[in-house]
Every structure is written in structure tokens, then in C-alpha cells.
Amino acid sequence: MNAPLTKYSAGGFTVIELLIVVSILSVVSGFALMQITRARQVMTRENAARQLGSYLEKARVDSLRRHPVASAQMAQVTIINATFYSVTIDADGDGALDAPKVMSLPADSSLQFNTPYPRTIYFNWRGRTVDAAGNVATPSFITISTTSGPASRIDLTTAGQPTLEGPAASSPVANSSPPAPNFRPKTQIP
């Protein structure tokens, strides 16, 4: 008499099952690798925007501290080309502007400025953005992006402060006077 045939007579995996598991793992790993690469690009772009924003704030504070009158004495940030910018401030505190410090966007990241260049942002003695003639300039923004993908935006407020979250939202301010305090009847106020 013949023994009944079973589908799996020996323990283990078939080659087809192993191939299915390997293909599922490779697809999941591919998606994870793409997400990690995108997250790294976003972090690099955001860090470059934060660094530029901090240099803009340093230039603004330097002009507030020194009270320059002429544009040649004002702290400034110049976007030189698509990947380089310079910062001119009084870093050593002697009251005179130092030589411009040239900075670049990370070389291996394909980041670039999406703004006309060369472009110089001057900060007057009040910390506001002005043009080369000293006239108050309308607040503007600077964007940093990759060749394909979203951009990071650095806005300058009317007071010259850089913000990374986008334009400042205006919210109405409600002025209300606090209620008058209630005193006990026998309280004497001198």
C-alpha cells in the first residue's frame, strides 16, 4: 500500500516562498532608502536656510549696535551667485566692518538660491533693510532649493528680522483694559 502524498513532506521553505520574501524585503528597503535620502536632503536645505537666517540676524544686530549712517558702514549680506553669499559685519567689535566672509551652500547637495543675484541686503542703524542709497526697502524673501523639489524660504519682516516659517501672519490685536480691582470697603489707599 502506498503512503498518502502530502504537499510538504519535509520541513523548510520552498524556493518560491524564499523569492517572495526576498522581493518584499527589497521593495520595503528601497522605499525606506528613498525616504532616508529625501529626509537628508530636506535637513541639508533647512540647515542652510537656518545658517543664512542666523547671518542675516547677526548683520541686523551688528547695525543696531554700531548705528551706521552711510551704506558703506552698514552690515550687509550679499548673495553673490547661485551658491555663494558673503557676510560683512563687525565681528571683532572694533567699530569698523571686517572683510567680507564668503560662505557657500553645501557643495554636494545641489542647493541654490532662487533670487536675482548679485543682491545685497543692507541693514540701517534701526535694523531695517535698506537699499544702497539708505532708503527703506520693502521686506523681501530669499529661497533656497534643490534643482527638483521644494524650497526653504527666508522672509525679512518690516523690522528686518529674518523668519524661516514664511511671511508673518498678521493677527488683529485686541486692546482691552483689565477690570478695576475690587477693594474691601474699609481698605484705605494712601
N, C-alpha and C. Protein backbone atom coordinates (compact mmCIF):
# COMPACT_ATOMS: atom_id res chain seq x y z
N MET A 1 0.82 -1.15 0.00
CA MET A 1 0.00 0.00 0.00
C MET A 1 0.89 1.24 0.00
N ASN A 2 0.47 2.19 -0.80
CA ASN A 2 1.25 3.42 -0.91
C ASN A 2 0.87 4.39 0.19
N ALA A 3 1.88 5.12 0.69
CA ALA A 3 1.62 6.13 1.72
C ALA A 3 1.00 7.35 1.04
N PRO A 4 0.05 8.02 1.73
CA PRO A 4 -0.57 9.20 1.13
C PRO A 4 0.48 10.31 0.92
N LEU A 5 0.39 10.96 -0.21
CA LEU A 5 1.31 12.04 -0.52
C LEU A 5 0.81 13.33 0.12
N THR A 6 1.69 14.00 0.79
CA THR A 6 1.33 15.29 1.38
C THR A 6 2.05 16.39 0.61
N LYS A 7 1.53 17.57 0.73
CA LYS A 7 2.10 18.70 -0.01
C LYS A 7 3.51 18.99 0.49
N TYR A 8 3.70 19.01 1.78
CA TYR A 8 5.02 19.28 2.38
C TYR A 8 5.39 18.08 3.22
N SER A 9 6.23 17.30 2.70
CA SER A 9 6.62 16.14 3.47
C SER A 9 7.84 16.42 4.32
N ALA A 10 8.66 17.42 3.94
CA ALA A 10 9.83 17.77 4.73
C ALA A 10 9.68 19.21 5.21
N GLY A 11 10.24 19.56 6.38
CA GLY A 11 10.16 20.92 6.91
C GLY A 11 11.09 21.86 6.13
N GLY A 12 10.71 23.15 6.07
CA GLY A 12 11.56 24.14 5.41
C GLY A 12 10.75 25.01 4.46
N PHE A 13 11.49 25.81 3.68
CA PHE A 13 10.87 26.74 2.75
C PHE A 13 11.13 26.30 1.33
N THR A 14 10.20 26.60 0.49
CA THR A 14 10.42 26.33 -0.92
C THR A 14 11.17 27.52 -1.52
N VAL A 15 11.70 27.34 -2.69
CA VAL A 15 12.44 28.39 -3.37
C VAL A 15 11.50 29.55 -3.71
N ILE A 16 10.29 29.25 -4.08
CA ILE A 16 9.32 30.29 -4.43
C ILE A 16 8.99 31.13 -3.20
N GLU A 17 8.78 30.52 -2.07
CA GLU A 17 8.50 31.28 -0.84
C GLU A 17 9.69 32.17 -0.48
N LEU A 18 10.87 31.65 -0.62
CA LEU A 18 12.07 32.43 -0.32
C LEU A 18 12.21 33.62 -1.27
N LEU A 19 11.92 33.43 -2.54
CA LEU A 19 11.98 34.51 -3.52
C LEU A 19 10.93 35.59 -3.21
N ILE A 20 9.75 35.19 -2.79
CA ILE A 20 8.70 36.15 -2.45
C ILE A 20 9.14 37.00 -1.26
N VAL A 21 9.68 36.38 -0.23
CA VAL A 21 10.14 37.11 0.95
C VAL A 21 11.27 38.06 0.59
N VAL A 22 12.22 37.62 -0.21
CA VAL A 22 13.34 38.46 -0.60
C VAL A 22 12.85 39.65 -1.43
N SER A 23 11.92 39.43 -2.34
CA SER A 23 11.41 40.54 -3.16
C SER A 23 10.63 41.54 -2.31
N ILE A 24 9.85 41.10 -1.35
CA ILE A 24 9.12 42.01 -0.46
C ILE A 24 10.11 42.83 0.37
N LEU A 25 11.14 42.18 0.90
CA LEU A 25 12.15 42.89 1.68
C LEU A 25 12.89 43.92 0.83
N SER A 26 13.18 43.59 -0.42
CA SER A 26 13.90 44.55 -1.27
C SER A 26 13.01 45.75 -1.61
N VAL A 27 11.73 45.54 -1.82
CA VAL A 27 10.82 46.67 -2.10
C VAL A 27 10.70 47.57 -0.87
N VAL A 28 10.53 46.99 0.31
CA VAL A 28 10.42 47.78 1.54
C VAL A 28 11.73 48.52 1.82
N SER A 29 12.86 47.86 1.61
CA SER A 29 14.16 48.53 1.82
C SER A 29 14.35 49.67 0.83
N GLY A 30 13.91 49.49 -0.41
CA GLY A 30 14.02 50.56 -1.40
C GLY A 30 13.22 51.78 -1.00
N PHE A 31 11.99 51.58 -0.51
CA PHE A 31 11.18 52.71 -0.05
C PHE A 31 11.82 53.39 1.16
N ALA A 32 12.34 52.61 2.07
CA ALA A 32 13.00 53.18 3.26
C ALA A 32 14.23 53.99 2.85
N LEU A 33 15.00 53.49 1.92
CA LEU A 33 16.19 54.20 1.46
C LEU A 33 15.82 55.51 0.77
N MET A 34 14.76 55.50 -0.02
CA MET A 34 14.31 56.74 -0.68
C MET A 34 13.86 57.76 0.35
N GLN A 35 13.15 57.33 1.37
CA GLN A 35 12.68 58.25 2.41
C GLN A 35 13.85 58.82 3.20
N ILE A 36 14.84 58.01 3.49
CA ILE A 36 16.02 58.48 4.22
C ILE A 36 16.77 59.51 3.37
N THR A 37 16.90 59.25 2.07
CA THR A 37 17.58 60.19 1.18
C THR A 37 16.83 61.51 1.11
N ARG A 38 15.51 61.46 0.99
CA ARG A 38 14.71 62.69 0.96
C ARG A 38 14.83 63.46 2.27
N ALA A 39 14.77 62.76 3.38
CA ALA A 39 14.88 63.42 4.69
C ALA A 39 16.24 64.09 4.84
N ARG A 40 17.27 63.45 4.35
CA ARG A 40 18.61 64.03 4.41
C ARG A 40 18.69 65.30 3.57
N GLN A 41 18.09 65.29 2.38
CA GLN A 41 18.09 66.47 1.52
C GLN A 41 17.32 67.62 2.19
N VAL A 42 16.20 67.31 2.80
CA VAL A 42 15.39 68.34 3.48
C VAL A 42 16.18 68.92 4.65
N MET A 43 16.83 68.07 5.43
CA MET A 43 17.62 68.57 6.57
C MET A 43 18.78 69.44 6.10
N THR A 44 19.44 69.07 5.02
CA THR A 44 20.54 69.87 4.49
C THR A 44 20.03 71.23 4.04
N ARG A 45 18.91 71.25 3.33
CA ARG A 45 18.33 72.51 2.85
C ARG A 45 17.88 73.39 4.01
N GLU A 46 17.22 72.81 4.99
CA GLU A 46 16.76 73.58 6.15
C GLU A 46 17.93 74.11 6.97
N ASN A 47 18.99 73.32 7.11
CA ASN A 47 20.17 73.80 7.85
C ASN A 47 20.85 74.96 7.12
N ALA A 48 20.92 74.90 5.78
CA ALA A 48 21.50 76.00 5.01
C ALA A 48 20.64 77.26 5.17
N ALA A 49 19.31 77.10 5.19
CA ALA A 49 18.42 78.25 5.38
C ALA A 49 18.57 78.83 6.78
N ARG A 50 18.70 77.96 7.79
CA ARG A 50 18.91 78.44 9.16
C ARG A 50 20.23 79.19 9.29
N GLN A 51 21.27 78.69 8.65
CA GLN A 51 22.57 79.36 8.72
C GLN A 51 22.50 80.73 8.07
N LEU A 52 21.88 80.84 6.90
CA LEU A 52 21.73 82.14 6.25
C LEU A 52 20.87 83.06 7.11
N GLY A 53 19.80 82.54 7.70
CA GLY A 53 18.96 83.34 8.58
C GLY A 53 19.72 83.85 9.80
N SER A 54 20.61 83.03 10.34
CA SER A 54 21.38 83.48 11.50
C SER A 54 22.39 84.57 11.09
N TYR A 55 22.97 84.46 9.89
CA TYR A 55 23.87 85.52 9.43
C TYR A 55 23.11 86.81 9.15
N LEU A 56 21.90 86.71 8.63
CA LEU A 56 21.08 87.91 8.43
C LEU A 56 20.78 88.58 9.77
N GLU A 57 20.47 87.77 10.78
CA GLU A 57 20.18 88.33 12.11
C GLU A 57 21.44 88.93 12.73
N LYS A 58 22.60 88.30 12.54
CA LYS A 58 23.86 88.86 13.05
C LYS A 58 24.15 90.21 12.41
N ALA A 59 23.90 90.31 11.10
CA ALA A 59 24.13 91.58 10.40
C ALA A 59 23.17 92.64 10.93
N ARG A 60 21.93 92.29 11.15
CA ARG A 60 20.95 93.24 11.67
C ARG A 60 21.34 93.73 13.06
N VAL A 61 21.72 92.82 13.93
CA VAL A 61 22.11 93.18 15.30
C VAL A 61 23.39 94.01 15.29
N ASP A 62 24.30 93.70 14.37
CA ASP A 62 25.53 94.48 14.28
C ASP A 62 25.22 95.93 13.90
N SER A 63 24.32 96.13 12.96
CA SER A 63 23.94 97.51 12.59
C SER A 63 23.21 98.21 13.73
N LEU A 64 22.41 97.49 14.47
CA LEU A 64 21.75 98.08 15.64
C LEU A 64 22.79 98.53 16.67
N ARG A 65 23.82 97.75 16.83
CA ARG A 65 24.84 98.03 17.84
C ARG A 65 25.73 99.21 17.43
N ARG A 66 26.11 99.28 16.17
CA ARG A 66 27.07 100.29 15.73
C ARG A 66 26.44 101.58 15.24
N HIS A 67 25.16 101.60 14.89
CA HIS A 67 24.45 102.78 14.38
C HIS A 67 25.12 103.40 13.15
N PRO A 68 25.29 102.65 12.06
CA PRO A 68 25.93 103.21 10.87
C PRO A 68 25.02 104.21 10.16
N VAL A 69 25.62 105.19 9.49
CA VAL A 69 24.85 106.20 8.78
C VAL A 69 24.92 105.95 7.27
N ALA A 70 26.11 105.74 6.74
CA ALA A 70 26.30 105.52 5.31
C ALA A 70 26.19 104.04 4.98
N SER A 71 25.79 103.72 3.76
CA SER A 71 25.63 102.32 3.36
C SER A 71 26.96 101.57 3.39
N ALA A 72 28.08 102.28 3.21
CA ALA A 72 29.39 101.63 3.27
C ALA A 72 29.71 101.15 4.68
N GLN A 73 29.04 101.71 5.70
CA GLN A 73 29.27 101.32 7.08
C GLN A 73 28.25 100.31 7.59
N MET A 74 27.20 100.07 6.81
CA MET A 74 26.12 99.18 7.24
C MET A 74 26.52 97.72 7.10
N ALA A 75 26.08 96.91 8.06
CA ALA A 75 26.28 95.48 7.95
C ALA A 75 25.43 94.99 6.78
N GLN A 76 25.94 93.99 6.07
CA GLN A 76 25.25 93.56 4.86
C GLN A 76 25.49 92.10 4.56
N VAL A 77 24.53 91.53 3.86
CA VAL A 77 24.64 90.17 3.35
C VAL A 77 24.43 90.26 1.85
N THR A 78 25.38 89.72 1.08
CA THR A 78 25.31 89.78 -0.38
C THR A 78 25.20 88.38 -0.94
N ILE A 79 24.17 88.15 -1.75
CA ILE A 79 24.05 86.89 -2.48
C ILE A 79 24.88 87.09 -3.75
N ILE A 80 26.00 86.40 -3.84
CA ILE A 80 26.95 86.62 -4.93
C ILE A 80 26.50 85.91 -6.21
N ASN A 81 26.18 84.63 -6.09
CA ASN A 81 25.69 83.86 -7.24
C ASN A 81 24.76 82.77 -6.72
N ALA A 82 24.53 81.73 -7.48
CA ALA A 82 23.55 80.72 -7.11
C ALA A 82 23.94 79.91 -5.88
N THR A 83 25.22 79.87 -5.53
CA THR A 83 25.65 79.04 -4.40
C THR A 83 26.50 79.75 -3.36
N PHE A 84 26.92 80.99 -3.61
CA PHE A 84 27.79 81.70 -2.67
C PHE A 84 27.13 82.98 -2.16
N TYR A 85 27.42 83.33 -0.91
CA TYR A 85 26.99 84.60 -0.33
C TYR A 85 28.08 85.09 0.60
N SER A 86 28.09 86.40 0.84
CA SER A 86 29.09 86.97 1.74
C SER A 86 28.38 87.74 2.85
N VAL A 87 29.03 87.78 4.00
CA VAL A 87 28.51 88.46 5.18
C VAL A 87 29.56 89.48 5.61
N THR A 88 29.14 90.74 5.72
CA THR A 88 30.05 91.80 6.13
C THR A 88 29.52 92.42 7.41
N ILE A 89 30.19 92.11 8.53
CA ILE A 89 29.81 92.63 9.84
C ILE A 89 31.07 93.01 10.62
N ASP A 90 30.86 93.63 11.76
CA ASP A 90 31.97 93.95 12.67
C ASP A 90 32.05 92.81 13.68
N ALA A 91 32.72 91.74 13.30
CA ALA A 91 32.79 90.55 14.17
C ALA A 91 33.72 90.74 15.35
N ASP A 92 34.76 91.56 15.20
CA ASP A 92 35.72 91.71 16.29
C ASP A 92 35.36 92.84 17.24
N GLY A 93 34.30 93.60 16.95
CA GLY A 93 33.81 94.63 17.87
C GLY A 93 34.63 95.89 17.94
N ASP A 94 35.44 96.19 16.91
CA ASP A 94 36.25 97.40 16.96
C ASP A 94 35.54 98.62 16.37
N GLY A 95 34.30 98.47 15.94
CA GLY A 95 33.53 99.59 15.41
C GLY A 95 33.61 99.75 13.91
N ALA A 96 34.45 98.98 13.24
CA ALA A 96 34.57 99.05 11.78
C ALA A 96 34.23 97.69 11.18
N LEU A 97 33.68 97.71 9.98
CA LEU A 97 33.34 96.45 9.31
C LEU A 97 34.60 95.65 9.00
N ASP A 98 34.51 94.36 9.17
CA ASP A 98 35.61 93.46 8.83
C ASP A 98 35.51 93.09 7.36
N ALA A 99 36.51 92.39 6.87
CA ALA A 99 36.47 91.91 5.49
C ALA A 99 35.30 90.95 5.33
N PRO A 100 34.65 90.94 4.17
CA PRO A 100 33.51 90.04 3.98
C PRO A 100 33.91 88.58 4.15
N LYS A 101 33.04 87.85 4.79
CA LYS A 101 33.23 86.41 4.98
C LYS A 101 32.38 85.72 3.92
N VAL A 102 33.03 84.99 3.02
CA VAL A 102 32.32 84.32 1.93
C VAL A 102 31.92 82.92 2.39
N MET A 103 30.63 82.64 2.22
CA MET A 103 30.07 81.35 2.62
C MET A 103 29.49 80.68 1.37
N SER A 104 29.37 79.37 1.41
CA SER A 104 28.75 78.67 0.29
C SER A 104 27.71 77.70 0.81
N LEU A 105 26.77 77.42 -0.03
CA LEU A 105 25.79 76.38 0.27
C LEU A 105 26.52 75.04 0.19
N PRO A 106 26.06 74.02 0.89
CA PRO A 106 26.77 72.73 0.85
C PRO A 106 27.00 72.26 -0.60
N ALA A 107 28.25 71.91 -0.91
CA ALA A 107 28.64 71.61 -2.29
C ALA A 107 27.99 70.34 -2.83
N ASP A 108 27.84 69.32 -2.02
CA ASP A 108 27.34 68.04 -2.51
C ASP A 108 25.82 67.94 -2.49
N SER A 109 25.13 69.05 -2.25
CA SER A 109 23.68 68.98 -2.06
C SER A 109 22.86 69.52 -3.23
N SER A 110 23.47 70.10 -4.22
CA SER A 110 22.81 70.74 -5.37
C SER A 110 21.81 71.81 -4.95
N LEU A 111 22.10 72.51 -3.85
CA LEU A 111 21.26 73.62 -3.41
C LEU A 111 21.65 74.88 -4.17
N GLN A 112 20.68 75.78 -4.35
CA GLN A 112 20.96 77.05 -5.00
C GLN A 112 19.96 78.09 -4.55
N PHE A 113 20.36 79.37 -4.68
CA PHE A 113 19.47 80.48 -4.38
C PHE A 113 18.55 80.71 -5.57
N ASN A 114 17.29 80.96 -5.30
CA ASN A 114 16.33 81.29 -6.36
C ASN A 114 15.99 82.76 -6.25
N THR A 115 16.95 83.60 -6.45
CA THR A 115 16.75 85.04 -6.35
C THR A 115 17.68 85.70 -7.36
N PRO A 116 17.34 86.89 -7.81
CA PRO A 116 18.30 87.55 -8.70
C PRO A 116 19.59 87.85 -7.95
N TYR A 117 20.69 87.67 -8.59
CA TYR A 117 21.98 87.97 -7.97
C TYR A 117 22.85 88.70 -8.96
N PRO A 118 23.80 89.46 -8.51
CA PRO A 118 24.13 89.74 -7.12
C PRO A 118 23.06 90.60 -6.47
N ARG A 119 22.86 90.37 -5.20
CA ARG A 119 21.85 91.09 -4.42
C ARG A 119 22.43 91.35 -3.05
N THR A 120 22.37 92.61 -2.61
CA THR A 120 22.91 92.98 -1.31
C THR A 120 21.78 93.46 -0.42
N ILE A 121 21.75 92.95 0.80
CA ILE A 121 20.77 93.35 1.79
C ILE A 121 21.51 94.15 2.85
N TYR A 122 21.22 95.45 2.93
CA TYR A 122 21.84 96.34 3.91
C TYR A 122 20.90 96.49 5.10
N PHE A 123 21.49 96.69 6.28
CA PHE A 123 20.71 96.95 7.50
C PHE A 123 21.12 98.31 8.05
N ASN A 124 20.15 99.22 8.24
CA ASN A 124 20.47 100.55 8.74
C ASN A 124 20.60 100.53 10.26
N TRP A 125 20.77 101.71 10.86
CA TRP A 125 21.00 101.81 12.30
C TRP A 125 19.79 101.36 13.12
N ARG A 126 18.63 101.26 12.48
CA ARG A 126 17.44 100.77 13.18
C ARG A 126 17.23 99.26 12.96
N GLY A 127 18.11 98.65 12.18
CA GLY A 127 18.00 97.22 11.91
C GLY A 127 17.07 96.89 10.76
N ARG A 128 16.63 97.88 10.03
CA ARG A 128 15.71 97.66 8.92
C ARG A 128 16.48 97.49 7.62
N THR A 129 15.87 96.79 6.68
CA THR A 129 16.52 96.60 5.39
C THR A 129 16.38 97.87 4.56
N VAL A 130 17.49 98.27 3.95
CA VAL A 130 17.53 99.47 3.12
C VAL A 130 18.27 99.15 1.83
N ASP A 131 18.13 100.05 0.85
CA ASP A 131 18.89 99.89 -0.38
C ASP A 131 20.24 100.60 -0.24
N ALA A 132 21.03 100.61 -1.30
CA ALA A 132 22.37 101.20 -1.23
C ALA A 132 22.34 102.70 -0.94
N ALA A 133 21.22 103.37 -1.27
CA ALA A 133 21.10 104.81 -1.02
C ALA A 133 20.61 105.10 0.39
N GLY A 134 20.25 104.07 1.15
CA GLY A 134 19.78 104.26 2.51
C GLY A 134 18.27 104.38 2.64
N ASN A 135 17.55 104.22 1.53
CA ASN A 135 16.09 104.27 1.57
C ASN A 135 15.54 102.95 2.07
N VAL A 136 14.53 103.01 2.91
CA VAL A 136 13.94 101.79 3.46
C VAL A 136 13.41 100.94 2.32
N ALA A 137 13.82 99.69 2.28
CA ALA A 137 13.40 98.76 1.23
C ALA A 137 12.23 97.93 1.75
N THR A 138 11.39 97.55 0.83
CA THR A 138 10.27 96.70 1.23
C THR A 138 10.82 95.34 1.61
N PRO A 139 10.24 94.72 2.62
CA PRO A 139 10.72 93.40 3.01
C PRO A 139 10.60 92.41 1.85
N SER A 140 11.55 91.55 1.77
CA SER A 140 11.55 90.57 0.70
C SER A 140 11.88 89.21 1.26
N PHE A 141 12.11 88.28 0.39
CA PHE A 141 12.43 86.93 0.83
C PHE A 141 13.53 86.35 -0.05
N ILE A 142 14.14 85.30 0.47
CA ILE A 142 15.18 84.56 -0.23
C ILE A 142 14.77 83.10 -0.18
N THR A 143 14.89 82.39 -1.29
CA THR A 143 14.57 80.97 -1.29
C THR A 143 15.81 80.17 -1.63
N ILE A 144 15.91 79.02 -0.99
CA ILE A 144 16.97 78.06 -1.25
C ILE A 144 16.28 76.77 -1.64
N SER A 145 16.66 76.21 -2.78
CA SER A 145 16.01 74.97 -3.21
C SER A 145 17.02 74.08 -3.93
N THR A 146 16.60 72.85 -4.16
CA THR A 146 17.37 71.94 -4.98
C THR A 146 16.88 72.09 -6.41
N THR A 147 17.55 71.44 -7.34
CA THR A 147 17.13 71.55 -8.73
C THR A 147 15.73 70.98 -8.94
N SER A 148 15.36 70.00 -8.14
CA SER A 148 14.00 69.47 -8.20
C SER A 148 13.53 69.26 -6.77
N GLY A 149 12.45 69.87 -6.43
CA GLY A 149 11.93 69.69 -5.08
C GLY A 149 11.51 71.00 -4.45
N PRO A 150 11.02 70.93 -3.23
CA PRO A 150 10.54 72.12 -2.54
C PRO A 150 11.68 73.06 -2.13
N ALA A 151 11.30 74.26 -1.74
CA ALA A 151 12.28 75.28 -1.37
C ALA A 151 12.09 75.69 0.07
N SER A 152 13.16 76.20 0.68
CA SER A 152 13.09 76.81 2.00
C SER A 152 13.09 78.31 1.78
N ARG A 153 12.20 78.99 2.48
CA ARG A 153 12.03 80.43 2.28
C ARG A 153 12.43 81.19 3.54
N ILE A 154 13.24 82.23 3.36
CA ILE A 154 13.65 83.10 4.46
C ILE A 154 13.03 84.46 4.18
N ASP A 155 12.09 84.86 5.02
CA ASP A 155 11.43 86.15 4.86
C ASP A 155 12.07 87.17 5.77
N LEU A 156 12.06 88.42 5.33
CA LEU A 156 12.52 89.53 6.16
C LEU A 156 11.29 90.36 6.52
N THR A 157 11.08 90.59 7.80
CA THR A 157 9.94 91.37 8.25
C THR A 157 10.20 92.85 8.01
N THR A 158 9.21 93.69 8.29
CA THR A 158 9.39 95.13 8.12
C THR A 158 10.46 95.67 9.06
N ALA A 159 10.70 94.99 10.17
CA ALA A 159 11.74 95.40 11.11
C ALA A 159 13.10 94.81 10.75
N GLY A 160 13.18 94.04 9.66
CA GLY A 160 14.45 93.48 9.22
C GLY A 160 14.77 92.13 9.80
N GLN A 161 13.89 91.55 10.59
CA GLN A 161 14.16 90.27 11.21
C GLN A 161 13.89 89.13 10.24
N PRO A 162 14.82 88.19 10.13
CA PRO A 162 14.59 87.04 9.26
C PRO A 162 13.70 86.00 9.94
N THR A 163 12.79 85.43 9.18
CA THR A 163 11.94 84.34 9.68
C THR A 163 12.01 83.19 8.69
N LEU A 164 12.00 81.99 9.20
CA LEU A 164 12.08 80.81 8.34
C LEU A 164 10.74 80.15 8.10
N GLU A 165 9.72 80.57 8.80
CA GLU A 165 8.42 79.92 8.69
C GLU A 165 7.58 80.48 7.57
N GLY A 166 8.04 81.46 6.85
CA GLY A 166 7.24 82.12 5.83
C GLY A 166 6.84 83.50 6.32
N PRO A 167 6.00 84.18 5.54
CA PRO A 167 5.63 85.54 5.95
C PRO A 167 4.88 85.53 7.27
N ALA A 168 5.13 86.56 8.04
CA ALA A 168 4.48 86.65 9.35
C ALA A 168 2.99 86.85 9.16
N ALA A 169 2.23 86.07 9.88
CA ALA A 169 0.77 86.19 9.80
C ALA A 169 0.34 87.39 10.64
N SER A 170 -0.51 88.20 10.06
CA SER A 170 -0.99 89.35 10.82
C SER A 170 -2.25 88.94 11.56
N SER A 171 -2.26 89.23 12.82
CA SER A 171 -3.44 88.92 13.62
C SER A 171 -3.88 90.21 14.31
N PRO A 172 -5.17 90.41 14.36
CA PRO A 172 -5.64 91.64 15.00
C PRO A 172 -5.32 91.63 16.48
N VAL A 173 -4.94 92.77 16.98
CA VAL A 173 -4.64 92.91 18.40
C VAL A 173 -5.84 93.56 19.06
N ALA A 174 -6.34 92.90 20.07
CA ALA A 174 -7.49 93.44 20.79
C ALA A 174 -6.98 94.11 22.06
N ASN A 175 -7.12 95.41 22.12
CA ASN A 175 -6.72 96.13 23.31
C ASN A 175 -7.90 96.18 24.27
N SER A 176 -7.71 95.62 25.39
CA SER A 176 -8.77 95.67 26.39
C SER A 176 -8.14 96.06 27.72
N SER A 177 -8.83 96.88 28.42
CA SER A 177 -8.31 97.29 29.71
C SER A 177 -8.76 96.27 30.75
N PRO A 178 -7.87 95.96 31.68
CA PRO A 178 -8.24 94.98 32.70
C PRO A 178 -9.30 95.58 33.62
N PRO A 179 -10.11 94.73 34.19
CA PRO A 179 -11.14 95.25 35.09
C PRO A 179 -10.51 95.92 36.31
N ALA A 180 -11.22 96.90 36.81
CA ALA A 180 -10.73 97.62 38.00
C ALA A 180 -10.75 96.66 39.19
N PRO A 181 -9.74 96.77 40.07
CA PRO A 181 -9.70 95.86 41.22
C PRO A 181 -10.82 96.19 42.20
N ASN A 182 -11.29 95.16 42.85
CA ASN A 182 -12.32 95.32 43.89
C ASN A 182 -11.63 95.41 45.25
N PHE A 183 -11.88 96.49 45.97
CA PHE A 183 -11.30 96.66 47.29
C PHE A 183 -12.38 96.40 48.35
N ARG A 184 -11.94 95.97 49.47
CA ARG A 184 -12.88 95.84 50.59
C ARG A 184 -13.30 97.23 51.02
N PRO A 185 -14.47 97.40 51.58
CA PRO A 185 -14.97 98.72 51.91
C PRO A 185 -14.06 99.50 52.85
N LYS A 186 -13.33 98.88 53.75
CA LYS A 186 -12.54 99.62 54.72
C LYS A 186 -11.07 99.72 54.33
N THR A 187 -10.72 99.37 53.09
CA THR A 187 -9.34 99.47 52.63
C THR A 187 -9.01 100.92 52.37
N GLN A 188 -7.92 101.36 52.95
CA GLN A 188 -7.50 102.73 52.72
C GLN A 188 -6.33 102.75 51.76
N ILE A 189 -6.45 103.59 50.78
CA ILE A 189 -5.39 103.70 49.78
C ILE A 189 -4.70 105.03 50.02
N PRO A 190 -3.40 105.04 50.32
CA PRO A 190 -2.71 106.29 50.63
C PRO A 190 -2.59 107.17 49.42
